[in-house]
């Protein structure tokens, strides 16, 4: 019987600056989730689509759960998977900031460059870490 969970082999494991970058991203996603869960009006304002009514804050709580899950995925992958698997998940994760950017464009158009910059920078950070992890590693020798 094969083992369902295993730690990545030493050659596959993510260490050093790459691991630190993934930990920072996971921490940021967990922090955003906490803000969106415990201060949803602030979360809505930060996201860029504020809500006036209490029921409208449900979308913020959905964002919180999305970011909470993503942060936990990254922590689990960091512990049990390879740098390539983490890079693939981060590359797929680019759908989130791209979608958020499109939502802000649909809501505000180009009239809120700060929100566009926030979501664009988020995507750029995730993309940078994904690219770093998916690049072939060059071995000294």
N, C-alpha and C. Protein backbone atom coordinates (compact mmCIF):
# COMPACT_ATOMS: atom_id res chain seq x y z
N UNK A 1 0.85 -1.18 0.00
CA UNK A 1 0.00 0.00 0.00
C UNK A 1 0.89 1.24 0.00
N UNK A 2 0.59 2.19 -0.86
CA UNK A 2 1.40 3.40 -0.92
C UNK A 2 0.92 4.39 0.12
N UNK A 3 1.86 5.19 0.55
CA UNK A 3 1.56 6.21 1.54
C UNK A 3 0.87 7.39 0.86
N UNK A 4 -0.19 7.90 1.47
CA UNK A 4 -0.94 9.00 0.88
C UNK A 4 -0.18 10.30 1.02
N UNK A 5 0.38 10.55 2.18
CA UNK A 5 1.13 11.78 2.38
C UNK A 5 2.59 11.43 2.63
N UNK A 6 3.44 12.22 2.03
CA UNK A 6 4.87 12.03 2.24
C UNK A 6 5.53 13.38 2.13
N UNK A 7 6.62 13.51 2.81
CA UNK A 7 7.40 14.72 2.66
C UNK A 7 8.14 14.65 1.34
N UNK A 8 8.37 15.77 0.74
CA UNK A 8 9.13 15.79 -0.51
C UNK A 8 10.54 15.29 -0.24
N UNK A 9 11.13 14.64 -1.24
CA UNK A 9 12.51 14.20 -1.08
C UNK A 9 13.40 15.43 -0.93
N UNK A 10 14.60 15.25 -0.38
CA UNK A 10 15.48 16.42 -0.21
C UNK A 10 15.72 17.18 -1.52
N UNK A 11 15.75 16.48 -2.65
CA UNK A 11 15.97 17.15 -3.93
C UNK A 11 14.74 17.96 -4.37
N UNK A 12 13.56 17.51 -3.97
CA UNK A 12 12.32 18.18 -4.37
C UNK A 12 11.89 19.26 -3.40
N UNK A 13 12.33 19.16 -2.16
CA UNK A 13 11.86 20.06 -1.10
C UNK A 13 12.22 21.51 -1.42
N UNK A 14 11.37 22.37 -0.98
CA UNK A 14 11.58 23.80 -1.16
C UNK A 14 12.23 24.34 0.10
N UNK A 15 13.37 24.98 -0.08
CA UNK A 15 14.11 25.54 1.05
C UNK A 15 14.55 26.96 0.73
N UNK A 16 15.14 27.59 1.72
CA UNK A 16 15.76 28.89 1.52
C UNK A 16 14.77 29.99 1.18
N UNK A 17 15.19 30.85 0.24
CA UNK A 17 14.38 32.02 -0.13
C UNK A 17 13.04 31.63 -0.73
N UNK A 18 13.01 30.54 -1.48
CA UNK A 18 11.73 30.09 -2.06
C UNK A 18 10.74 29.70 -0.99
N UNK A 19 11.21 28.96 0.01
CA UNK A 19 10.33 28.56 1.12
C UNK A 19 9.88 29.79 1.90
N UNK A 20 10.79 30.72 2.10
CA UNK A 20 10.43 31.95 2.82
C UNK A 20 9.36 32.74 2.05
N UNK A 21 9.50 32.80 0.73
CA UNK A 21 8.51 33.53 -0.08
C UNK A 21 7.14 32.86 0.02
N UNK A 22 7.11 31.53 -0.01
CA UNK A 22 5.83 30.82 0.09
C UNK A 22 5.24 31.03 1.49
N UNK A 23 6.07 31.00 2.54
CA UNK A 23 5.57 31.26 3.89
C UNK A 23 4.99 32.67 4.01
N UNK A 24 5.66 33.64 3.40
CA UNK A 24 5.15 35.02 3.44
C UNK A 24 3.80 35.10 2.71
N UNK A 25 3.71 34.50 1.52
CA UNK A 25 2.44 34.51 0.80
C UNK A 25 1.33 33.83 1.60
N UNK A 26 1.64 32.68 2.20
CA UNK A 26 0.64 31.98 3.01
C UNK A 26 0.21 32.86 4.17
N UNK A 27 1.17 33.51 4.82
CA UNK A 27 0.84 34.40 5.94
C UNK A 27 -0.03 35.57 5.51
N UNK A 28 0.27 36.13 4.35
CA UNK A 28 -0.53 37.25 3.84
C UNK A 28 -1.96 36.79 3.56
N UNK A 29 -2.11 35.64 2.91
CA UNK A 29 -3.45 35.13 2.63
C UNK A 29 -4.22 34.86 3.94
N UNK A 30 -3.54 34.31 4.94
CA UNK A 30 -4.20 34.05 6.23
C UNK A 30 -4.57 35.35 6.94
N UNK A 31 -3.72 36.36 6.85
CA UNK A 31 -4.02 37.66 7.45
C UNK A 31 -5.21 38.32 6.75
N UNK A 32 -5.22 38.28 5.43
CA UNK A 32 -6.36 38.83 4.69
C UNK A 32 -7.64 38.11 5.08
N UNK A 33 -7.57 36.79 5.20
CA UNK A 33 -8.75 36.01 5.59
C UNK A 33 -9.25 36.46 6.96
N UNK A 34 -8.33 36.68 7.90
CA UNK A 34 -8.73 37.11 9.24
C UNK A 34 -9.41 38.48 9.19
N UNK A 35 -8.86 39.41 8.41
CA UNK A 35 -9.47 40.74 8.30
C UNK A 35 -10.87 40.61 7.69
N UNK A 36 -10.98 39.85 6.62
CA UNK A 36 -12.27 39.71 5.95
C UNK A 36 -13.30 39.01 6.83
N UNK A 37 -12.86 38.07 7.66
CA UNK A 37 -13.79 37.37 8.56
C UNK A 37 -14.21 38.22 9.75
N UNK A 38 -13.23 38.88 10.38
CA UNK A 38 -13.51 39.57 11.64
C UNK A 38 -13.80 41.06 11.50
N UNK A 39 -13.49 41.63 10.36
CA UNK A 39 -13.80 43.04 10.09
C UNK A 39 -14.26 43.15 8.63
N UNK A 40 -15.42 42.56 8.31
CA UNK A 40 -15.83 42.48 6.91
C UNK A 40 -16.03 43.84 6.23
N UNK A 41 -16.44 44.86 6.96
CA UNK A 41 -16.60 46.18 6.33
C UNK A 41 -15.24 46.73 5.91
N UNK A 42 -14.24 46.55 6.77
CA UNK A 42 -12.89 46.95 6.41
C UNK A 42 -12.40 46.12 5.22
N UNK A 43 -12.67 44.82 5.25
CA UNK A 43 -12.29 43.95 4.15
C UNK A 43 -12.90 44.39 2.84
N UNK A 44 -14.18 44.76 2.87
CA UNK A 44 -14.85 45.23 1.65
C UNK A 44 -14.20 46.51 1.14
N UNK A 45 -13.87 47.40 2.05
CA UNK A 45 -13.23 48.66 1.65
C UNK A 45 -11.84 48.41 1.07
N UNK A 46 -11.10 47.50 1.67
CA UNK A 46 -9.76 47.17 1.18
C UNK A 46 -9.85 46.50 -0.19
N UNK A 47 -10.79 45.59 -0.35
CA UNK A 47 -10.95 44.88 -1.63
C UNK A 47 -11.28 45.86 -2.75
N UNK A 48 -12.12 46.84 -2.44
CA UNK A 48 -12.44 47.85 -3.45
C UNK A 48 -13.89 47.87 -3.89
N UNK A 49 -14.70 47.01 -3.32
CA UNK A 49 -16.14 47.02 -3.63
C UNK A 49 -16.87 47.07 -2.30
N UNK A 50 -17.08 48.27 -1.77
CA UNK A 50 -17.74 48.39 -0.47
C UNK A 50 -19.20 47.99 -0.54
N UNK A 51 -19.75 47.70 0.61
CA UNK A 51 -21.16 47.32 0.68
C UNK A 51 -21.84 48.17 1.74
N UNK A 52 -23.06 48.49 1.51
CA UNK A 52 -23.82 49.33 2.42
C UNK A 52 -24.69 48.52 3.37
N UNK A 53 -25.05 47.33 2.98
CA UNK A 53 -25.97 46.55 3.80
C UNK A 53 -25.27 45.32 4.38
N UNK A 54 -25.74 44.88 5.53
CA UNK A 54 -25.11 43.78 6.24
C UNK A 54 -25.07 42.50 5.39
N UNK A 55 -26.16 42.19 4.69
CA UNK A 55 -26.19 40.98 3.86
C UNK A 55 -25.19 41.03 2.72
N UNK A 56 -24.83 42.22 2.30
CA UNK A 56 -23.86 42.38 1.23
C UNK A 56 -22.45 41.99 1.65
N UNK A 57 -22.23 41.86 2.94
CA UNK A 57 -20.90 41.48 3.42
C UNK A 57 -20.63 39.99 3.23
N UNK A 58 -21.63 39.25 2.80
CA UNK A 58 -21.41 37.81 2.58
C UNK A 58 -20.33 37.56 1.54
N UNK A 59 -20.21 38.43 0.53
CA UNK A 59 -19.16 38.21 -0.46
C UNK A 59 -17.79 38.36 0.19
N UNK A 60 -17.68 39.23 1.19
CA UNK A 60 -16.40 39.41 1.88
C UNK A 60 -16.04 38.16 2.66
N UNK A 61 -17.04 37.56 3.28
CA UNK A 61 -16.79 36.31 4.01
C UNK A 61 -16.40 35.18 3.06
N UNK A 62 -16.97 35.18 1.86
CA UNK A 62 -16.58 34.18 0.86
C UNK A 62 -15.12 34.40 0.44
N UNK A 63 -14.72 35.66 0.30
CA UNK A 63 -13.32 35.96 0.00
C UNK A 63 -12.42 35.48 1.13
N UNK A 64 -12.88 35.66 2.36
CA UNK A 64 -12.10 35.22 3.52
C UNK A 64 -11.86 33.72 3.47
N UNK A 65 -12.88 32.97 3.16
CA UNK A 65 -12.74 31.51 3.10
C UNK A 65 -11.82 31.10 1.95
N UNK A 66 -11.92 31.79 0.84
CA UNK A 66 -11.03 31.53 -0.30
C UNK A 66 -9.57 31.75 0.10
N UNK A 67 -9.30 32.88 0.74
CA UNK A 67 -7.93 33.20 1.13
C UNK A 67 -7.43 32.31 2.26
N UNK A 68 -8.31 31.94 3.18
CA UNK A 68 -7.95 31.01 4.24
C UNK A 68 -7.54 29.67 3.64
N UNK A 69 -8.35 29.15 2.73
CA UNK A 69 -8.03 27.87 2.09
C UNK A 69 -6.71 27.96 1.33
N UNK A 70 -6.49 29.04 0.61
CA UNK A 70 -5.27 29.18 -0.16
C UNK A 70 -4.05 29.22 0.76
N UNK A 71 -4.12 29.96 1.85
CA UNK A 71 -3.01 29.99 2.79
C UNK A 71 -2.71 28.62 3.36
N UNK A 72 -3.76 27.86 3.69
CA UNK A 72 -3.57 26.51 4.22
C UNK A 72 -3.03 25.56 3.15
N UNK A 73 -3.49 25.71 1.91
CA UNK A 73 -2.95 24.89 0.81
C UNK A 73 -1.44 25.10 0.71
N UNK A 74 -1.03 26.35 0.73
CA UNK A 74 0.39 26.65 0.58
C UNK A 74 1.21 26.07 1.72
N UNK A 75 0.70 26.17 2.95
CA UNK A 75 1.42 25.59 4.08
C UNK A 75 1.53 24.08 3.94
N UNK A 76 0.44 23.43 3.55
CA UNK A 76 0.47 21.98 3.36
C UNK A 76 1.42 21.57 2.24
N UNK A 77 1.37 22.28 1.14
CA UNK A 77 2.27 21.97 0.02
C UNK A 77 3.72 22.20 0.41
N UNK A 78 3.97 23.24 1.17
CA UNK A 78 5.34 23.52 1.60
C UNK A 78 5.89 22.36 2.44
N UNK A 79 5.04 21.78 3.24
CA UNK A 79 5.46 20.68 4.12
C UNK A 79 5.56 19.34 3.38
N UNK A 80 4.63 19.06 2.49
CA UNK A 80 4.53 17.71 1.95
C UNK A 80 4.78 17.57 0.45
N UNK A 81 5.14 18.65 -0.22
CA UNK A 81 5.22 18.55 -1.67
C UNK A 81 6.52 19.14 -2.19
N UNK A 82 6.59 19.25 -3.50
CA UNK A 82 7.80 19.73 -4.16
C UNK A 82 7.65 21.20 -4.58
N UNK A 83 8.80 21.79 -4.87
CA UNK A 83 8.79 23.18 -5.33
C UNK A 83 7.98 23.31 -6.63
N UNK A 84 8.05 22.31 -7.50
CA UNK A 84 7.29 22.36 -8.76
C UNK A 84 5.79 22.35 -8.50
N UNK A 85 5.33 21.50 -7.58
CA UNK A 85 3.90 21.45 -7.26
C UNK A 85 3.43 22.78 -6.69
N UNK A 86 4.23 23.38 -5.83
CA UNK A 86 3.86 24.68 -5.25
C UNK A 86 3.83 25.74 -6.35
N UNK A 87 4.80 25.70 -7.26
CA UNK A 87 4.82 26.64 -8.37
C UNK A 87 3.60 26.52 -9.26
N UNK A 88 3.17 25.28 -9.51
CA UNK A 88 1.99 25.05 -10.34
C UNK A 88 0.74 25.59 -9.65
N UNK A 89 0.62 25.35 -8.35
CA UNK A 89 -0.54 25.87 -7.61
C UNK A 89 -0.53 27.39 -7.62
N UNK A 90 0.63 27.99 -7.42
CA UNK A 90 0.69 29.46 -7.45
C UNK A 90 0.37 30.00 -8.83
N UNK A 91 0.84 29.33 -9.88
CA UNK A 91 0.52 29.78 -11.24
C UNK A 91 -0.99 29.71 -11.47
N UNK A 92 -1.62 28.63 -11.02
CA UNK A 92 -3.08 28.50 -11.16
C UNK A 92 -3.80 29.55 -10.32
N UNK A 93 -3.19 29.93 -9.21
CA UNK A 93 -3.77 30.91 -8.30
C UNK A 93 -3.87 32.29 -8.94
N UNK A 94 -3.14 32.52 -10.01
CA UNK A 94 -3.20 33.82 -10.69
C UNK A 94 -4.60 34.14 -11.19
N UNK A 95 -5.46 33.14 -11.29
CA UNK A 95 -6.85 33.37 -11.65
C UNK A 95 -7.52 34.30 -10.62
N UNK A 96 -7.12 34.17 -9.36
CA UNK A 96 -7.76 34.96 -8.30
C UNK A 96 -7.48 36.45 -8.47
N UNK A 97 -6.21 36.91 -8.47
CA UNK A 97 -6.01 38.36 -8.63
C UNK A 97 -6.47 38.88 -9.99
N UNK A 98 -6.38 38.05 -11.04
CA UNK A 98 -6.87 38.48 -12.36
C UNK A 98 -8.38 38.70 -12.30
N UNK A 99 -9.09 37.78 -11.68
CA UNK A 99 -10.54 37.93 -11.53
C UNK A 99 -10.90 39.12 -10.67
N UNK A 100 -10.16 39.30 -9.57
CA UNK A 100 -10.40 40.45 -8.70
C UNK A 100 -10.19 41.75 -9.46
N UNK A 101 -9.15 41.80 -10.26
CA UNK A 101 -8.86 42.99 -11.06
C UNK A 101 -10.01 43.27 -12.03
N UNK A 102 -10.52 42.23 -12.66
CA UNK A 102 -11.65 42.41 -13.58
C UNK A 102 -12.91 42.88 -12.85
N UNK A 103 -13.13 42.35 -11.64
CA UNK A 103 -14.28 42.81 -10.85
C UNK A 103 -14.17 44.29 -10.51
N UNK A 104 -12.97 44.71 -10.14
CA UNK A 104 -12.76 46.13 -9.81
C UNK A 104 -12.96 46.99 -11.06
N UNK A 105 -12.43 46.53 -12.20
CA UNK A 105 -12.64 47.27 -13.45
C UNK A 105 -14.12 47.38 -13.79
N UNK A 106 -14.87 46.30 -13.59
CA UNK A 106 -16.30 46.32 -13.88
C UNK A 106 -17.04 47.25 -12.92
N UNK A 107 -16.60 47.32 -11.69
CA UNK A 107 -17.28 48.13 -10.67
C UNK A 107 -16.92 49.61 -10.79
N UNK A 108 -15.60 49.90 -10.91
CA UNK A 108 -15.12 51.28 -10.87
C UNK A 108 -14.61 51.80 -12.21
N UNK A 109 -14.38 50.90 -13.16
CA UNK A 109 -13.68 51.34 -14.38
C UNK A 109 -12.25 51.70 -14.02
N UNK A 110 -11.74 52.71 -14.67
CA UNK A 110 -10.37 53.15 -14.39
C UNK A 110 -10.33 54.27 -13.35
N UNK A 111 -11.44 54.54 -12.69
CA UNK A 111 -11.51 55.66 -11.75
C UNK A 111 -10.87 55.37 -10.39
N UNK A 112 -10.46 54.14 -10.14
CA UNK A 112 -9.84 53.79 -8.85
C UNK A 112 -8.51 53.08 -9.08
N UNK A 113 -7.50 53.85 -9.48
CA UNK A 113 -6.22 53.21 -9.78
C UNK A 113 -5.58 52.53 -8.57
N UNK A 114 -5.87 53.00 -7.38
CA UNK A 114 -5.30 52.38 -6.18
C UNK A 114 -5.74 50.93 -6.02
N UNK A 115 -7.02 50.67 -6.24
CA UNK A 115 -7.53 49.30 -6.14
C UNK A 115 -6.98 48.43 -7.26
N UNK A 116 -6.89 49.01 -8.45
CA UNK A 116 -6.32 48.26 -9.58
C UNK A 116 -4.86 47.91 -9.30
N UNK A 117 -4.14 48.86 -8.74
CA UNK A 117 -2.74 48.63 -8.40
C UNK A 117 -2.61 47.55 -7.32
N UNK A 118 -3.49 47.60 -6.33
CA UNK A 118 -3.46 46.60 -5.26
C UNK A 118 -3.62 45.18 -5.82
N UNK A 119 -4.63 44.97 -6.64
CA UNK A 119 -4.88 43.64 -7.18
C UNK A 119 -3.83 43.25 -8.23
N UNK A 120 -3.37 44.23 -8.99
CA UNK A 120 -2.29 43.96 -9.95
C UNK A 120 -0.99 43.59 -9.25
N UNK A 121 -0.67 44.30 -8.16
CA UNK A 121 0.55 43.99 -7.40
C UNK A 121 0.44 42.62 -6.75
N UNK A 122 -0.75 42.28 -6.28
CA UNK A 122 -0.97 40.96 -5.70
C UNK A 122 -0.67 39.88 -6.73
N UNK A 123 -1.20 40.05 -7.92
CA UNK A 123 -0.95 39.09 -8.99
C UNK A 123 0.52 39.04 -9.37
N UNK A 124 1.17 40.20 -9.40
CA UNK A 124 2.59 40.23 -9.75
C UNK A 124 3.44 39.49 -8.72
N UNK A 125 3.11 39.63 -7.44
CA UNK A 125 3.86 38.93 -6.39
C UNK A 125 3.67 37.42 -6.51
N UNK A 126 2.45 36.98 -6.70
CA UNK A 126 2.18 35.55 -6.85
C UNK A 126 2.89 35.03 -8.11
N UNK A 127 2.83 35.78 -9.20
CA UNK A 127 3.47 35.37 -10.44
C UNK A 127 4.98 35.26 -10.26
N UNK A 128 5.58 36.22 -9.57
CA UNK A 128 7.03 36.20 -9.37
C UNK A 128 7.47 34.96 -8.61
N UNK A 129 6.75 34.61 -7.56
CA UNK A 129 7.11 33.42 -6.79
C UNK A 129 6.87 32.16 -7.63
N UNK A 130 5.76 32.11 -8.37
CA UNK A 130 5.48 30.95 -9.22
C UNK A 130 6.58 30.77 -10.26
N UNK A 131 6.99 31.85 -10.90
CA UNK A 131 8.05 31.77 -11.92
C UNK A 131 9.35 31.29 -11.30
N UNK A 132 9.67 31.82 -10.13
CA UNK A 132 10.90 31.39 -9.45
C UNK A 132 10.87 29.89 -9.15
N UNK A 133 9.74 29.40 -8.73
CA UNK A 133 9.64 27.99 -8.36
C UNK A 133 9.58 27.07 -9.59
N UNK A 134 9.06 27.55 -10.69
CA UNK A 134 8.92 26.71 -11.88
C UNK A 134 10.15 26.73 -12.78
N UNK A 135 11.06 27.66 -12.54
CA UNK A 135 12.30 27.67 -13.31
C UNK A 135 13.14 26.45 -12.96
N UNK A 136 13.78 25.87 -13.95
CA UNK A 136 14.68 24.75 -13.62
C UNK A 136 15.81 25.24 -12.71
N UNK A 137 16.13 24.41 -11.74
CA UNK A 137 17.22 24.76 -10.83
C UNK A 137 18.54 24.35 -11.46
N UNK A 138 19.50 25.24 -11.38
CA UNK A 138 20.83 24.94 -11.91
C UNK A 138 21.69 24.45 -10.76
N UNK A 139 22.26 23.30 -10.95
CA UNK A 139 23.12 22.72 -9.92
C UNK A 139 24.56 23.12 -10.18
N UNK A 140 25.25 23.46 -9.11
CA UNK A 140 26.67 23.80 -9.22
C UNK A 140 27.44 22.52 -9.53
N UNK A 141 28.46 22.63 -10.32
CA UNK A 141 29.24 21.41 -10.56
C UNK A 141 29.74 21.37 -11.87
